[in-house]
Structures are given as C-alpha cells and as structure tokens.
Amino acid sequence: MYSFEPTDEQKIIVDAARKLAVKEFRTRMSDADEKSEPASEWMQAGWELGLLQASIPESYGGYGEHSALTSALATEELAWGDLSATLALTAPNLIALPILHCGTEEQKKEMLPHFCGDSYVYGSAALMEPRLDFDPNALQTTATKKDGKYILSGAKCNVPFAAESEWILAYASCEGKCQGFLLPKGIPGLIVKEREKNMGMRAFPMYAVELQECIVDARQRLGGDAGCDYQLLLNSSRTALSAMAVGVARAAYEFALDYAKNRKAFGEMIAQRQSIAFMLSDMITDIEAARMMVWEAAWRLDEKKDATHEAYLALNFAGDMSVMAADRAVQILGGYGYIRDFPVELYLRNARGFGVMEGIAIA
C-alpha cells in the first residue's frame, strides 16, 4: 500500500511547485482570465521547474523517471495557484507522456528529446468530440487503414493549443479500438477552426478541430502496429484532472476560511456561526477524501496495476466536490463572492469544467 508521507524528493518538488504557484500563477491569474490569454511567464518559469523533463529517462534526453503520484502531488499544488496556468504548463505532457508510456522506440528517440530542452514546447491532444453523447471509449472519429497508411476523419473540440502546437496527438476509433495518431502541424486535412469561448479556463486556449480525410503514415500511429494502451492513457488523464480539482477546491476553501475568520458581522466573526462553520467543515472533509482517491489512483498507475475504477471514481468525486467547494466559497463571501475583485467566482467557473472535460491533461 502507498505511504501517506511524501518522500524527501516529493516534498522538494511540492515546495517548488507551491513557490511557482504563489509567485507566478496567483499574481497573474486574474489578468490572464480577463484577457483570455495565458501569461508567457507561466510556461517558461514552470518549464524551468523541470517536472516533465524529470519524468523522461536520460536515454531520451531527460533526467528522471516518471511517477504518477509525484505528478499528482505537484499538480495539485500548481492548480491551487491557478487552473489555466497549470493546464498550459502541462500541455506538453499530452504528447510526451503517451509516447513515453506507449510509443515505439523510434517514436521515443525522435520525439521525446524535443521536450527536454531549456524552452517551453507546445503540445496538444484531440480526444473530445462535439456531441452530447460523447463517450471516450466509443469515439466517432475514425482511422481507416488503406495502402499502408491511415485516413482520419471526424470532429474534435476542446483541443489545447491546437493552433500553436507543432504536433497534435489525435485519438480515433481504429480496428475496433481507440488509438492515437501523431499529426504534424499543417498536414493536409487537419483543420484548426476558431478558438472556443468557454465559461472557465479562459486563459487556456482550446480549439475546435476537424479531420477531413487526413492521411498519416503508419509509423505515426502511437505504438506502431501494436497500438497504444488507450485505457492507461485515459486513466492517467483522469488522475491528473482529479489532482487539479483538489487544488482548485483547496484554493476556494482556504480563501473562504480566511475571509470567514476576518469578516465581522453583528458583533462576531462569521466563522463562529454554525451554518458557516458546517459549510467549511464539509468542504475540507471532502477535499481530504478526494485527495486520498487521487493518491490511490496514482499509486496504482505507478504499480502498473489497472486503475480504471479508481481513476474514474476520483474524477467523478473530485470534479463534483470542486464545484461544491467553490460554490460554498461564493456563498460564504456573500455579495463579494459574485464580483471579480475576489477570486472565488473564478474558482467556481474553472471548477465547473471538470465535469465536461476529458483528455486535456495527463500525469
């Protein structure tokens, strides 16, 4: 069973992530949200933290070994700072980690060194589809093999940095299974459409993408002829998003708690009122419970065990919990909670996205 005490190395990483969240993410999150653009300082300062590089072995240009649990610990801390910044910083993971987990030796040697340099590299993945009955295990985007190549057709939405990335990892139904395909920028048939206008995560650019009989070479299939372990990648994505949900919920709780301790009404601090105290108690209880679920899913991933059940439950619970925590934070602040001078309305808008997003992050 996993330990509840982080290792010394994990403590150092978490501490570094929190310093980055305080210095870079928190100071720029409101301005970035208003402008609907990520701050360039987010990516470069975060890149220097070296989280992705530390997950890639030395043989491919990195300097470490991947750990889903360590990633979850750091990701929670970063999302406590700001969700859009965390998603922007970890977007390169969307290509690098699937290649690390499932790629052929040729794909690893060719692609992974690009993500180990000194400068931030954009990355993207196209999983979600614009339909009400979207199911990540029943993709309508298709990849048909013909004459040694694959023809991809379909529509995607919520594709991060689709206009900026040199490569997009597109997922499609292929031979009865969900598989990934590495698409270079500018390939015929890959159409990047308008940037989407979302309620939350406004500083994290996402686009609609169409695949119009996009022809790719067989060697661009993730994992080659053997294909990829799609469920592993989906579980890793859900675990990462769950950790981010815990971070957002914690940020909302801590702000509301501090406000309640310092806000005086009718002769007493509002934190002393039973209704407020009960809300705060429920918030932190659920946050701690969600964190345990995230850790269990991440531990199972590190132990090479099937984490399908644990990752699904973690995201389902943590996503709902983050909305609840942020909504109660808005309630505790009263009228102040509804105006943009305070961050809780931003936390609520961002938290709402966990229930409708799949595949925009991976750990």
Protein backbone atom coordinates (compact mmCIF):
# COMPACT_ATOMS: atom_id res chain seq x y z
CA MET A 1 0.00 0.00 0.00
CA TYR A 2 1.15 3.54 -0.67
CA SER A 3 2.57 5.72 2.09
CA PHE A 4 0.74 8.80 3.34
CA GLU A 5 4.08 10.54 3.90
CA PRO A 6 5.72 12.04 0.79
CA THR A 7 9.37 11.24 0.25
CA ASP A 8 12.02 13.91 0.72
CA GLU A 9 12.25 14.30 -3.05
CA GLN A 10 8.49 14.70 -3.36
CA LYS A 11 8.49 17.32 -0.60
CA ILE A 12 11.11 19.32 -2.51
CA ILE A 13 9.05 19.14 -5.72
CA VAL A 14 5.83 20.14 -3.95
CA ASP A 15 7.59 23.05 -2.24
CA ALA A 16 8.99 24.24 -5.58
CA ALA A 17 5.57 23.90 -7.21
CA ARG A 18 3.94 25.95 -4.45
CA LYS A 19 6.53 28.72 -4.78
CA LEU A 20 5.87 28.85 -8.51
CA ALA A 21 2.11 28.93 -7.88
CA VAL A 22 2.46 31.82 -5.43
CA LYS A 23 4.98 33.88 -7.40
CA GLU A 24 3.82 33.38 -10.99
CA PHE A 25 0.35 31.85 -11.11
CA ARG A 26 -1.51 33.72 -8.37
CA THR A 27 -0.13 37.13 -9.35
CA ARG A 28 -1.24 36.82 -12.97
CA MET A 29 -4.37 34.65 -12.90
CA SER A 30 -7.00 37.43 -12.80
CA ASP A 31 -5.34 39.48 -15.53
CA ALA A 32 -4.86 36.39 -17.72
CA ASP A 33 -8.50 35.41 -17.20
CA GLU A 34 -9.72 38.89 -18.17
CA LYS A 35 -7.54 38.91 -21.30
CA SER A 36 -8.33 35.26 -22.07
CA GLU A 37 -4.64 34.67 -22.76
CA PRO A 38 -2.03 32.66 -20.85
CA ALA A 39 0.85 34.62 -19.39
CA SER A 40 4.13 33.76 -21.11
CA GLU A 41 5.83 33.75 -17.70
CA TRP A 42 3.69 30.78 -16.68
CA MET A 43 5.14 28.41 -19.22
CA GLN A 44 8.78 29.43 -19.09
CA ALA A 45 9.03 29.73 -15.31
CA GLY A 46 7.15 26.45 -14.96
CA TRP A 47 9.31 24.77 -17.57
CA GLU A 48 12.38 25.63 -15.52
CA LEU A 49 10.80 23.65 -12.69
CA GLY A 50 11.54 20.59 -14.84
CA LEU A 51 8.54 18.41 -13.99
CA LEU A 52 8.23 16.88 -17.47
CA GLN A 53 11.98 16.59 -18.01
CA ALA A 54 12.26 14.76 -14.68
CA SER A 55 9.72 12.22 -15.96
CA ILE A 56 11.75 11.32 -19.06
CA PRO A 57 14.71 8.92 -18.78
CA GLU A 58 18.25 10.08 -19.58
CA SER A 59 18.35 7.88 -22.67
CA TYR A 60 15.74 10.17 -24.27
CA GLY A 61 17.18 13.48 -23.08
CA GLY A 62 15.56 13.79 -19.65
CA TYR A 63 16.94 13.19 -16.20
CA GLY A 64 14.49 11.10 -14.23
CA GLU A 65 11.75 8.52 -14.03
CA HIS A 66 8.03 9.09 -14.33
CA SER A 67 5.82 8.83 -11.25
CA ALA A 68 2.07 9.47 -11.44
CA LEU A 69 1.93 10.03 -7.67
CA THR A 70 4.68 12.64 -7.70
CA SER A 71 2.96 14.33 -10.65
CA ALA A 72 -0.35 14.35 -8.75
CA LEU A 73 1.26 15.97 -5.71
CA ALA A 74 2.86 18.71 -7.82
CA THR A 75 -0.22 19.18 -10.00
CA GLU A 76 -2.49 19.76 -7.01
CA GLU A 77 -0.13 22.44 -5.76
CA LEU A 78 0.05 24.14 -9.16
CA ALA A 79 -3.74 24.08 -9.62
CA TRP A 80 -4.07 25.62 -6.16
CA GLY A 81 -2.27 28.55 -7.77
CA ASP A 82 -4.33 28.65 -10.97
CA LEU A 83 -6.00 26.02 -13.12
CA SER A 84 -5.46 27.68 -16.51
CA ALA A 85 -1.77 28.16 -15.77
CA THR A 86 -1.43 24.52 -14.71
CA LEU A 87 -3.15 23.26 -17.85
CA ALA A 88 -0.97 25.48 -20.03
CA LEU A 89 2.22 24.38 -18.29
CA THR A 90 1.37 20.68 -18.50
CA ALA A 91 0.04 20.73 -22.09
CA PRO A 92 3.32 19.25 -23.47
CA ASN A 93 2.58 16.18 -21.33
CA LEU A 94 -0.31 15.45 -23.70
CA ILE A 95 2.18 14.25 -26.31
CA ALA A 96 5.32 13.42 -24.33
CA LEU A 97 3.81 11.10 -21.72
CA PRO A 98 1.71 8.98 -24.12
CA ILE A 99 4.85 8.49 -26.21
CA LEU A 100 6.80 7.61 -23.06
CA HIS A 101 4.12 5.11 -21.95
CA CYS A 102 3.13 3.61 -25.30
CA GLY A 103 5.38 4.83 -28.09
CA THR A 104 7.69 2.74 -30.20
CA GLU A 105 11.41 3.03 -29.62
CA GLU A 106 11.65 5.06 -32.82
CA GLN A 107 8.93 7.46 -31.64
CA LYS A 108 10.60 7.90 -28.26
CA LYS A 109 14.01 8.65 -29.75
CA GLU A 110 12.58 11.03 -32.32
CA MET A 111 10.07 12.95 -30.20
CA LEU A 112 10.99 12.91 -26.51
CA PRO A 113 14.26 14.92 -26.77
CA HIS A 114 12.20 17.86 -28.09
CA PHE A 115 10.50 18.07 -24.69
CA CYS A 116 13.74 18.11 -22.70
CA GLY A 117 15.23 21.41 -23.84
CA ASP A 118 15.53 24.71 -21.98
CA SER A 119 12.48 26.32 -23.56
CA TYR A 120 8.79 25.51 -23.34
CA VAL A 121 7.42 23.41 -26.21
CA TYR A 122 3.71 23.45 -27.08
CA GLY A 123 1.87 20.15 -27.06
CA SER A 124 -1.69 19.13 -27.77
CA ALA A 125 -4.10 16.19 -27.88
CA ALA A 126 -7.50 15.85 -29.53
CA LEU A 127 -9.81 13.48 -27.68
CA MET A 128 -13.23 15.08 -27.06
CA GLU A 129 -15.89 15.25 -29.75
CA PRO A 130 -18.66 17.89 -30.07
CA ARG A 131 -21.71 15.76 -29.30
CA LEU A 132 -23.99 15.37 -26.30
CA ASP A 133 -23.47 11.61 -26.01
CA PHE A 134 -19.67 11.78 -26.14
CA ASP A 135 -18.05 8.66 -24.70
CA PRO A 136 -14.23 8.49 -24.62
CA ASN A 137 -14.46 4.73 -25.08
CA ALA A 138 -16.69 4.99 -28.17
CA LEU A 139 -15.08 7.58 -30.43
CA GLN A 140 -16.84 8.51 -33.64
CA THR A 141 -13.65 9.86 -35.18
CA THR A 142 -12.33 7.04 -37.37
CA ALA A 143 -8.92 5.90 -38.60
CA THR A 144 -9.15 3.57 -41.61
CA LYS A 145 -6.09 1.71 -42.84
CA LYS A 146 -5.51 1.82 -46.59
CA ASP A 147 -2.37 1.09 -48.63
CA GLY A 148 -0.15 1.12 -45.53
CA LYS A 149 -1.48 4.49 -44.32
CA TYR A 150 -4.34 5.68 -42.09
CA ILE A 151 -7.13 8.02 -43.13
CA LEU A 152 -8.56 10.02 -40.19
CA SER A 153 -12.00 11.60 -40.34
CA GLY A 154 -14.03 13.29 -37.63
CA ALA A 155 -14.54 16.38 -35.50
CA LYS A 156 -12.84 17.30 -32.22
CA CYS A 157 -13.36 20.00 -29.61
CA ASN A 158 -11.51 21.35 -26.57
CA VAL A 159 -8.16 20.79 -28.26
CA PRO A 160 -5.50 22.71 -26.26
CA PHE A 161 -3.05 24.91 -28.18
CA ALA A 162 -4.18 23.40 -31.48
CA ALA A 163 -3.07 26.50 -33.39
CA GLU A 164 0.31 26.73 -31.65
CA SER A 165 1.47 23.12 -31.41
CA GLU A 166 3.80 21.51 -33.91
CA TRP A 167 2.17 18.13 -33.20
CA ILE A 168 -1.32 17.04 -32.16
CA LEU A 169 -1.98 13.58 -30.77
CA ALA A 170 -5.41 12.73 -32.19
CA TYR A 171 -7.44 9.82 -30.89
CA ALA A 172 -9.71 7.81 -33.17
CA SER A 173 -11.54 4.50 -33.44
CA CYS A 174 -9.27 2.11 -35.32
CA GLU A 175 -9.91 -1.58 -35.93
CA GLY A 176 -12.41 -1.66 -33.07
CA LYS A 177 -10.14 0.08 -30.57
CA CYS A 178 -9.39 3.68 -29.56
CA GLN A 179 -5.92 4.60 -30.75
CA GLY A 180 -3.66 7.65 -31.01
CA PHE A 181 -2.07 9.20 -34.09
CA LEU A 182 0.67 11.83 -34.20
CA LEU A 183 -0.30 14.60 -36.61
CA PRO A 184 2.27 17.24 -37.62
CA LYS A 185 1.19 20.84 -37.96
CA GLY A 186 -0.01 21.74 -41.45
CA ILE A 187 -0.72 18.19 -42.61
CA PRO A 188 -3.44 18.21 -45.30
CA GLY A 189 -6.88 17.53 -43.87
CA LEU A 190 -6.09 18.86 -40.38
CA ILE A 191 -8.27 21.95 -40.00
CA VAL A 192 -7.88 24.09 -36.88
CA LYS A 193 -11.04 26.17 -36.50
CA GLU A 194 -11.99 29.04 -34.21
CA ARG A 195 -10.83 29.24 -30.65
CA GLU A 196 -13.61 28.21 -28.29
CA LYS A 197 -15.17 30.63 -25.81
CA ASN A 198 -15.59 28.83 -22.53
CA MET A 199 -17.12 29.76 -19.19
CA GLY A 200 -13.95 28.90 -17.29
CA MET A 201 -10.30 28.11 -18.02
CA ARG A 202 -10.43 31.27 -20.15
CA ALA A 203 -6.65 31.73 -20.13
CA PHE A 204 -6.15 28.23 -21.56
CA PRO A 205 -6.68 28.32 -25.36
CA MET A 206 -8.76 25.44 -26.75
CA TYR A 207 -9.92 25.00 -30.31
CA ALA A 208 -12.32 23.04 -32.48
CA VAL A 209 -10.51 20.78 -34.97
CA GLU A 210 -11.74 18.88 -38.00
CA LEU A 211 -10.06 15.88 -39.60
CA GLN A 212 -11.08 15.76 -43.25
CA GLU A 213 -9.63 12.53 -44.64
CA CYS A 214 -6.31 13.34 -43.04
CA ILE A 215 -3.76 10.80 -44.33
CA VAL A 216 -0.93 9.79 -41.98
CA ASP A 217 1.88 7.29 -42.31
CA ALA A 218 1.58 4.04 -40.37
CA ARG A 219 4.63 4.94 -38.30
CA GLN A 220 2.70 7.90 -36.90
CA ARG A 221 0.32 5.57 -35.08
CA LEU A 222 1.15 5.74 -31.39
CA GLY A 223 2.82 2.45 -30.55
CA GLY A 224 3.16 1.44 -34.19
CA ASP A 225 1.33 -1.66 -35.38
CA ALA A 226 0.89 -2.81 -31.77
CA GLY A 227 -1.02 0.37 -30.95
CA CYS A 228 -1.28 2.04 -27.55
CA ASP A 229 -2.79 1.17 -24.19
CA TYR A 230 -5.60 3.68 -24.51
CA GLN A 231 -7.17 2.87 -21.15
CA LEU A 232 -3.87 3.56 -19.41
CA LEU A 233 -3.71 6.98 -21.03
CA LEU A 234 -7.34 7.73 -20.13
CA ASN A 235 -6.72 6.68 -16.53
CA SER A 236 -3.62 8.87 -16.36
CA SER A 237 -5.59 11.81 -17.72
CA ARG A 238 -8.40 11.37 -15.22
CA THR A 239 -5.95 11.13 -12.35
CA ALA A 240 -4.26 14.38 -13.40
CA LEU A 241 -7.57 16.20 -13.70
CA SER A 242 -8.64 14.86 -10.29
CA ALA A 243 -5.50 16.25 -8.68
CA MET A 244 -6.18 19.62 -10.29
CA ALA A 245 -9.76 19.55 -8.99
CA VAL A 246 -8.44 19.04 -5.46
CA GLY A 247 -6.10 22.01 -5.93
CA VAL A 248 -8.91 24.31 -7.09
CA ALA A 249 -11.17 23.19 -4.24
CA ARG A 250 -8.42 23.76 -1.71
CA ALA A 251 -7.81 27.26 -3.02
CA ALA A 252 -11.52 28.09 -2.68
CA TYR A 253 -11.70 26.61 0.82
CA GLU A 254 -8.62 28.42 2.10
CA PHE A 255 -9.80 31.76 0.77
CA ALA A 256 -13.26 31.30 2.28
CA LEU A 257 -11.81 30.17 5.60
CA ASP A 258 -9.53 33.19 5.84
CA TYR A 259 -12.40 35.50 4.92
CA ALA A 260 -14.72 33.95 7.50
CA LYS A 261 -12.11 34.32 10.22
CA ASN A 262 -11.68 38.01 9.48
CA ARG A 263 -15.17 39.11 8.44
CA LYS A 264 -17.14 40.53 11.35
CA ALA A 265 -20.93 40.86 11.26
CA PHE A 266 -23.39 41.59 14.07
CA GLY A 267 -20.61 41.59 16.63
CA GLU A 268 -18.92 38.30 15.77
CA MET A 269 -16.70 36.72 13.17
CA ILE A 270 -18.87 34.85 10.67
CA ALA A 271 -16.69 31.75 11.09
CA GLN A 272 -18.28 31.40 14.53
CA ARG A 273 -21.71 30.97 13.02
CA GLN A 274 -22.80 27.38 12.91
CA SER A 275 -24.03 27.50 9.31
CA ILE A 276 -20.68 28.85 8.06
CA ALA A 277 -18.65 26.51 10.25
CA PHE A 278 -20.59 23.49 8.96
CA MET A 279 -20.01 24.51 5.35
CA LEU A 280 -16.27 24.90 5.94
CA SER A 281 -16.16 21.56 7.74
CA ASP A 282 -17.90 19.77 4.86
CA MET A 283 -15.55 21.41 2.36
CA ILE A 284 -12.31 20.30 3.99
CA THR A 285 -13.67 16.81 4.72
CA ASP A 286 -14.49 16.25 1.06
CA ILE A 287 -11.18 17.77 -0.08
CA GLU A 288 -9.23 15.33 2.08
CA ALA A 289 -11.36 12.42 0.86
CA ALA A 290 -10.85 13.38 -2.78
CA ARG A 291 -7.10 13.62 -2.27
CA MET A 292 -6.99 10.07 -0.94
CA MET A 293 -8.84 8.87 -4.03
CA VAL A 294 -6.35 10.66 -6.27
CA TRP A 295 -3.41 9.16 -4.43
CA GLU A 296 -4.85 5.67 -4.72
CA ALA A 297 -5.37 6.01 -8.47
CA ALA A 298 -1.86 7.44 -8.93
CA TRP A 299 -0.31 4.72 -6.78
CA ARG A 300 -1.98 2.02 -8.85
CA LEU A 301 -0.64 3.63 -12.02
CA ASP A 302 2.89 3.62 -10.59
CA GLU A 303 2.49 0.00 -9.54
CA LYS A 304 1.43 -0.93 -13.12
CA LYS A 305 -1.97 -2.03 -11.83
CA ASP A 306 -5.30 -1.37 -13.54
CA ALA A 307 -6.54 1.98 -12.24
CA THR A 308 -9.69 2.28 -14.36
CA HIS A 309 -12.10 2.03 -11.42
CA GLU A 310 -10.06 4.27 -9.12
CA ALA A 311 -9.34 6.97 -11.74
CA TYR A 312 -12.99 7.17 -12.80
CA LEU A 313 -14.25 7.47 -9.24
CA ALA A 314 -11.56 10.01 -8.36
CA LEU A 315 -12.51 12.34 -11.21
CA ASN A 316 -16.24 11.87 -10.68
CA PHE A 317 -15.97 12.70 -6.97
CA ALA A 318 -13.24 15.36 -7.14
CA GLY A 319 -14.92 17.15 -10.04
CA ASP A 320 -18.24 17.44 -8.22
CA MET A 321 -16.51 18.24 -4.96
CA SER A 322 -14.55 21.15 -6.51
CA VAL A 323 -17.78 22.73 -7.77
CA MET A 324 -19.36 22.31 -4.33
CA ALA A 325 -16.35 23.83 -2.56
CA ALA A 326 -16.13 26.80 -4.91
CA ASP A 327 -19.88 27.41 -4.77
CA ARG A 328 -19.84 27.41 -0.97
CA ALA A 329 -16.88 29.77 -1.01
CA VAL A 330 -19.00 32.15 -3.09
CA GLN A 331 -21.84 31.78 -0.57
CA ILE A 332 -19.56 32.47 2.40
CA LEU A 333 -18.32 35.70 0.81
CA GLY A 334 -21.89 36.78 0.15
CA GLY A 335 -22.14 39.64 -2.35
CA TYR A 336 -18.37 39.87 -2.55
CA GLY A 337 -18.24 36.31 -3.84
CA TYR A 338 -20.02 37.31 -7.03
CA ILE A 339 -17.69 40.10 -8.10
CA ARG A 340 -14.35 39.70 -9.83
CA ASP A 341 -12.41 41.59 -7.18
CA PHE A 342 -12.31 38.27 -5.31
CA PRO A 343 -11.06 35.01 -6.86
CA VAL A 344 -13.82 32.64 -5.69
CA GLU A 345 -16.03 33.33 -8.73
CA LEU A 346 -13.04 32.37 -10.91
CA TYR A 347 -12.58 29.17 -8.92
CA LEU A 348 -16.26 28.32 -9.47
CA ARG A 349 -16.11 28.94 -13.23
CA ASN A 350 -12.95 26.86 -13.53
CA ALA A 351 -14.22 24.04 -11.33
CA ARG A 352 -17.32 23.61 -13.47
CA GLY A 353 -15.12 22.44 -16.33
CA PHE A 354 -14.07 19.21 -14.63
CA GLY A 355 -17.47 17.69 -15.29
CA VAL A 356 -17.34 18.29 -19.05
CA MET A 357 -13.67 17.92 -19.96
CA GLU A 358 -11.74 14.76 -20.86
CA GLY A 359 -8.21 14.39 -22.11
CA ILE A 360 -6.98 17.98 -21.62
CA ALA A 361 -4.34 16.92 -19.10
CA ILE A 362 -2.26 13.86 -18.28
CA ALA A 363 0.05 12.84 -15.44
